[in-house]
């Protein structure tokens, strides 16, 4: 179950927020610099709409069903699909 939403320039709400704050999307990056639209750090882009506030969902884990929570940065998710990452994590968990 995804616990967050995609925070990239192609998500219309994200793109609109960046534009409202005076930011631009250049070559798929906020002000030509940052690929994601929400980030910890990157303070210089805050005035252009980059936010450190994530979109998250709250779930209660069931130990009988839920084995782990998988988290990764944008670079990780650029390389792996959710299915691939879960398969890899499941294999590692079983070892």
N, C-alpha and C. Protein backbone atom coordinates (compact mmCIF):
# COMPACT_ATOMS: atom_id res chain seq x y z
N UNK A 1 0.86 -1.17 0.00
CA UNK A 1 0.00 0.00 0.00
C UNK A 1 0.90 1.23 0.00
N UNK A 2 0.85 2.06 -1.01
CA UNK A 2 1.66 3.29 -1.02
C UNK A 2 1.26 4.21 0.13
N UNK A 3 2.24 4.72 0.85
CA UNK A 3 1.98 5.59 1.99
C UNK A 3 2.11 7.06 1.64
N UNK A 4 2.44 7.36 0.42
CA UNK A 4 2.58 8.75 -0.01
C UNK A 4 2.13 8.86 -1.46
N UNK A 5 2.20 10.05 -1.99
CA UNK A 5 1.87 10.29 -3.40
C UNK A 5 3.13 10.74 -4.12
N UNK A 6 3.08 10.70 -5.42
CA UNK A 6 4.21 11.15 -6.24
C UNK A 6 4.32 12.67 -6.13
N UNK A 7 5.51 13.16 -5.86
CA UNK A 7 5.78 14.60 -5.77
C UNK A 7 6.74 14.99 -6.88
N UNK A 8 6.21 15.02 -8.08
CA UNK A 8 7.01 15.33 -9.28
C UNK A 8 6.31 16.41 -10.09
N UNK A 9 7.03 17.00 -11.00
CA UNK A 9 6.52 18.12 -11.79
C UNK A 9 5.35 17.76 -12.68
N UNK A 10 5.17 16.50 -13.04
CA UNK A 10 4.07 16.13 -13.93
C UNK A 10 2.73 15.98 -13.19
N UNK A 11 2.74 16.01 -11.86
CA UNK A 11 1.49 15.99 -11.09
C UNK A 11 0.93 17.41 -11.10
N UNK A 12 -0.27 17.58 -11.64
CA UNK A 12 -0.81 18.92 -11.89
C UNK A 12 -0.84 19.79 -10.64
N UNK A 13 -1.23 19.24 -9.49
CA UNK A 13 -1.27 20.04 -8.26
C UNK A 13 0.12 20.53 -7.86
N UNK A 14 1.11 19.69 -8.06
CA UNK A 14 2.49 20.06 -7.73
C UNK A 14 2.97 21.16 -8.69
N UNK A 15 2.71 20.97 -9.97
CA UNK A 15 3.12 21.94 -10.98
C UNK A 15 2.46 23.30 -10.73
N UNK A 16 1.17 23.27 -10.38
CA UNK A 16 0.45 24.52 -10.11
C UNK A 16 1.00 25.22 -8.88
N UNK A 17 1.35 24.47 -7.83
CA UNK A 17 1.91 25.09 -6.62
C UNK A 17 3.24 25.76 -6.93
N UNK A 18 4.07 25.09 -7.69
CA UNK A 18 5.37 25.67 -8.07
C UNK A 18 5.15 26.96 -8.85
N UNK A 19 4.23 26.94 -9.81
CA UNK A 19 3.95 28.13 -10.63
C UNK A 19 3.40 29.27 -9.77
N UNK A 20 2.49 28.97 -8.85
CA UNK A 20 1.92 30.01 -7.98
C UNK A 20 3.00 30.71 -7.16
N UNK A 21 4.04 29.98 -6.81
CA UNK A 21 5.11 30.53 -5.99
C UNK A 21 6.21 31.19 -6.83
N UNK A 22 6.01 31.23 -8.14
CA UNK A 22 6.99 31.88 -9.01
C UNK A 22 8.07 30.97 -9.54
N UNK A 23 7.95 29.68 -9.27
CA UNK A 23 8.93 28.73 -9.78
C UNK A 23 8.60 28.31 -11.20
N UNK A 24 9.55 27.69 -11.84
CA UNK A 24 9.36 27.19 -13.20
C UNK A 24 9.80 25.72 -13.25
N UNK A 25 9.33 25.05 -14.28
CA UNK A 25 9.78 23.69 -14.54
C UNK A 25 10.63 23.75 -15.80
N UNK A 26 11.90 23.46 -15.67
CA UNK A 26 12.84 23.49 -16.80
C UNK A 26 13.53 22.13 -16.89
N UNK A 27 13.42 21.52 -18.05
CA UNK A 27 14.03 20.19 -18.26
C UNK A 27 13.59 19.18 -17.19
N UNK A 28 12.31 19.26 -16.80
CA UNK A 28 11.77 18.31 -15.83
C UNK A 28 12.20 18.55 -14.40
N UNK A 29 12.71 19.75 -14.12
CA UNK A 29 13.21 20.06 -12.77
C UNK A 29 12.71 21.43 -12.32
N UNK A 30 12.48 21.57 -11.02
CA UNK A 30 12.07 22.85 -10.47
C UNK A 30 13.23 23.83 -10.65
N UNK A 31 12.94 24.93 -11.35
CA UNK A 31 13.95 25.94 -11.68
C UNK A 31 15.20 25.32 -12.30
N UNK A 32 15.00 24.21 -13.01
CA UNK A 32 16.10 23.54 -13.69
C UNK A 32 17.06 22.82 -12.77
N UNK A 33 16.68 22.68 -11.48
CA UNK A 33 17.62 22.16 -10.50
C UNK A 33 17.19 20.85 -9.84
N UNK A 34 15.99 20.82 -9.30
CA UNK A 34 15.55 19.70 -8.45
C UNK A 34 14.43 18.93 -9.13
N UNK A 35 14.58 17.60 -9.20
CA UNK A 35 13.59 16.78 -9.89
C UNK A 35 12.29 16.62 -9.10
N UNK A 36 12.37 16.55 -7.78
CA UNK A 36 11.16 16.39 -6.97
C UNK A 36 10.62 17.75 -6.55
N UNK A 37 9.33 17.79 -6.21
CA UNK A 37 8.71 19.05 -5.82
C UNK A 37 8.55 19.19 -4.31
N UNK A 38 8.90 18.12 -3.59
CA UNK A 38 8.90 18.16 -2.13
C UNK A 38 10.20 17.51 -1.67
N UNK A 39 10.84 18.17 -0.71
CA UNK A 39 12.18 17.73 -0.35
C UNK A 39 12.58 18.29 1.01
N UNK A 40 13.33 17.51 1.77
CA UNK A 40 13.97 18.03 2.98
C UNK A 40 15.27 18.67 2.53
N UNK A 41 15.55 19.86 3.03
CA UNK A 41 16.72 20.59 2.57
C UNK A 41 16.32 21.42 1.36
N UNK A 42 17.23 21.67 0.46
CA UNK A 42 16.94 22.46 -0.75
C UNK A 42 16.23 23.76 -0.40
N UNK A 43 16.70 24.41 0.66
CA UNK A 43 16.07 25.61 1.18
C UNK A 43 16.01 26.72 0.13
N UNK A 44 16.97 26.79 -0.75
CA UNK A 44 16.99 27.86 -1.76
C UNK A 44 15.80 27.76 -2.70
N UNK A 45 15.17 26.59 -2.79
CA UNK A 45 14.01 26.43 -3.68
C UNK A 45 12.68 26.54 -2.96
N UNK A 46 12.70 26.71 -1.64
CA UNK A 46 11.46 26.83 -0.87
C UNK A 46 10.62 28.00 -1.36
N UNK A 47 11.25 29.13 -1.64
CA UNK A 47 10.49 30.30 -2.08
C UNK A 47 9.84 30.10 -3.45
N UNK A 48 10.26 29.05 -4.16
CA UNK A 48 9.67 28.73 -5.46
C UNK A 48 8.68 27.58 -5.38
N UNK A 49 8.27 27.22 -4.17
CA UNK A 49 7.22 26.23 -4.00
C UNK A 49 7.65 24.84 -3.60
N UNK A 50 8.96 24.58 -3.54
CA UNK A 50 9.40 23.26 -3.08
C UNK A 50 9.08 23.19 -1.58
N UNK A 51 8.35 22.16 -1.20
CA UNK A 51 7.87 22.02 0.16
C UNK A 51 8.53 20.84 0.86
N UNK A 52 8.72 20.97 2.16
CA UNK A 52 9.25 19.84 2.94
C UNK A 52 8.11 19.05 3.58
N UNK A 53 6.87 19.42 3.27
CA UNK A 53 5.71 18.74 3.85
C UNK A 53 5.26 17.62 2.92
N UNK A 54 5.43 16.37 3.34
CA UNK A 54 5.03 15.26 2.48
C UNK A 54 3.52 15.02 2.54
N UNK A 55 3.03 14.31 1.56
CA UNK A 55 1.67 13.81 1.59
C UNK A 55 1.77 12.38 2.09
N UNK A 56 1.17 12.10 3.22
CA UNK A 56 1.28 10.75 3.78
C UNK A 56 -0.09 10.21 4.16
N UNK A 57 -0.14 8.92 4.29
CA UNK A 57 -1.34 8.24 4.76
C UNK A 57 -0.97 7.51 6.04
N UNK A 58 -1.92 7.38 6.93
CA UNK A 58 -1.68 6.71 8.21
C UNK A 58 -2.36 5.35 8.20
N UNK A 59 -1.60 4.34 8.56
CA UNK A 59 -2.12 2.98 8.63
C UNK A 59 -1.68 2.34 9.94
N UNK A 60 -2.48 1.45 10.43
CA UNK A 60 -2.09 0.62 11.56
C UNK A 60 -1.59 -0.69 10.98
N UNK A 61 -0.36 -1.04 11.30
CA UNK A 61 0.21 -2.28 10.79
C UNK A 61 -0.35 -3.48 11.55
N UNK A 62 -0.58 -4.54 10.83
CA UNK A 62 -1.04 -5.79 11.41
C UNK A 62 0.13 -6.77 11.37
N UNK A 63 0.71 -7.10 12.51
CA UNK A 63 1.88 -7.99 12.53
C UNK A 63 1.63 -9.34 11.86
N UNK A 64 0.38 -9.76 11.80
CA UNK A 64 0.07 -11.05 11.16
C UNK A 64 0.13 -10.94 9.63
N UNK A 65 -0.01 -9.73 9.11
CA UNK A 65 -0.05 -9.54 7.65
C UNK A 65 1.11 -8.71 7.12
N UNK A 66 1.53 -7.71 7.88
CA UNK A 66 2.53 -6.76 7.41
C UNK A 66 3.91 -7.13 7.92
N UNK A 67 4.84 -7.34 7.00
CA UNK A 67 6.18 -7.77 7.38
C UNK A 67 7.16 -6.62 7.51
N UNK A 68 7.02 -5.59 6.69
CA UNK A 68 7.96 -4.48 6.73
C UNK A 68 7.37 -3.26 6.02
N UNK A 69 8.03 -2.13 6.23
CA UNK A 69 7.72 -0.89 5.51
C UNK A 69 8.93 -0.59 4.65
N UNK A 70 8.71 -0.30 3.40
CA UNK A 70 9.80 -0.04 2.46
C UNK A 70 9.82 1.45 2.12
N UNK A 71 10.95 2.10 2.36
CA UNK A 71 11.09 3.52 2.06
C UNK A 71 12.31 3.71 1.16
N UNK A 72 12.26 4.73 0.32
CA UNK A 72 13.39 5.04 -0.54
C UNK A 72 13.33 6.48 -1.02
N UNK A 73 14.47 7.00 -1.40
CA UNK A 73 14.54 8.36 -1.93
C UNK A 73 14.15 8.35 -3.41
N UNK A 74 14.08 9.53 -4.00
CA UNK A 74 13.69 9.62 -5.41
C UNK A 74 14.65 8.86 -6.32
N UNK A 75 15.93 8.87 -5.99
CA UNK A 75 16.89 8.13 -6.81
C UNK A 75 16.62 6.63 -6.80
N UNK A 76 16.21 6.12 -5.65
CA UNK A 76 15.85 4.70 -5.55
C UNK A 76 14.64 4.40 -6.43
N UNK A 77 13.59 5.23 -6.31
CA UNK A 77 12.36 4.98 -7.07
C UNK A 77 12.53 5.28 -8.55
N UNK A 78 13.56 6.02 -8.92
CA UNK A 78 13.87 6.20 -10.35
C UNK A 78 14.40 4.91 -10.96
N UNK A 79 14.96 4.05 -10.13
CA UNK A 79 15.59 2.81 -10.61
C UNK A 79 14.73 1.57 -10.45
N UNK A 80 13.82 1.58 -9.50
CA UNK A 80 13.03 0.39 -9.18
C UNK A 80 11.54 0.70 -9.24
N UNK A 81 10.76 -0.22 -9.77
CA UNK A 81 9.30 -0.11 -9.65
C UNK A 81 8.93 -0.59 -8.25
N UNK A 82 7.73 -0.27 -7.81
CA UNK A 82 7.29 -0.73 -6.50
C UNK A 82 7.31 -2.26 -6.43
N UNK A 83 6.89 -2.90 -7.50
CA UNK A 83 6.86 -4.36 -7.53
C UNK A 83 8.27 -4.94 -7.42
N UNK A 84 9.22 -4.37 -8.16
CA UNK A 84 10.60 -4.85 -8.10
C UNK A 84 11.19 -4.65 -6.70
N UNK A 85 10.94 -3.49 -6.13
CA UNK A 85 11.48 -3.18 -4.81
C UNK A 85 10.89 -4.11 -3.75
N UNK A 86 9.60 -4.37 -3.84
CA UNK A 86 8.96 -5.27 -2.87
C UNK A 86 9.48 -6.69 -3.01
N UNK A 87 9.67 -7.14 -4.25
CA UNK A 87 10.22 -8.48 -4.45
C UNK A 87 11.62 -8.59 -3.86
N UNK A 88 12.45 -7.60 -4.12
CA UNK A 88 13.82 -7.60 -3.59
C UNK A 88 13.82 -7.57 -2.06
N UNK A 89 12.98 -6.70 -1.49
CA UNK A 89 12.91 -6.61 -0.03
C UNK A 89 12.36 -7.90 0.58
N UNK A 90 11.38 -8.50 -0.06
CA UNK A 90 10.81 -9.76 0.44
C UNK A 90 11.86 -10.86 0.45
N UNK A 91 12.65 -10.93 -0.62
CA UNK A 91 13.72 -11.94 -0.68
C UNK A 91 14.75 -11.72 0.42
N UNK A 92 15.12 -10.47 0.63
CA UNK A 92 16.10 -10.15 1.68
C UNK A 92 15.52 -10.44 3.07
N UNK A 93 14.25 -10.14 3.26
CA UNK A 93 13.59 -10.36 4.54
C UNK A 93 13.56 -11.84 4.90
N UNK A 94 13.34 -12.68 3.90
CA UNK A 94 13.25 -14.12 4.12
C UNK A 94 14.60 -14.74 4.48
N UNK A 95 15.69 -14.10 4.08
CA UNK A 95 17.03 -14.62 4.37
C UNK A 95 17.36 -14.33 5.78
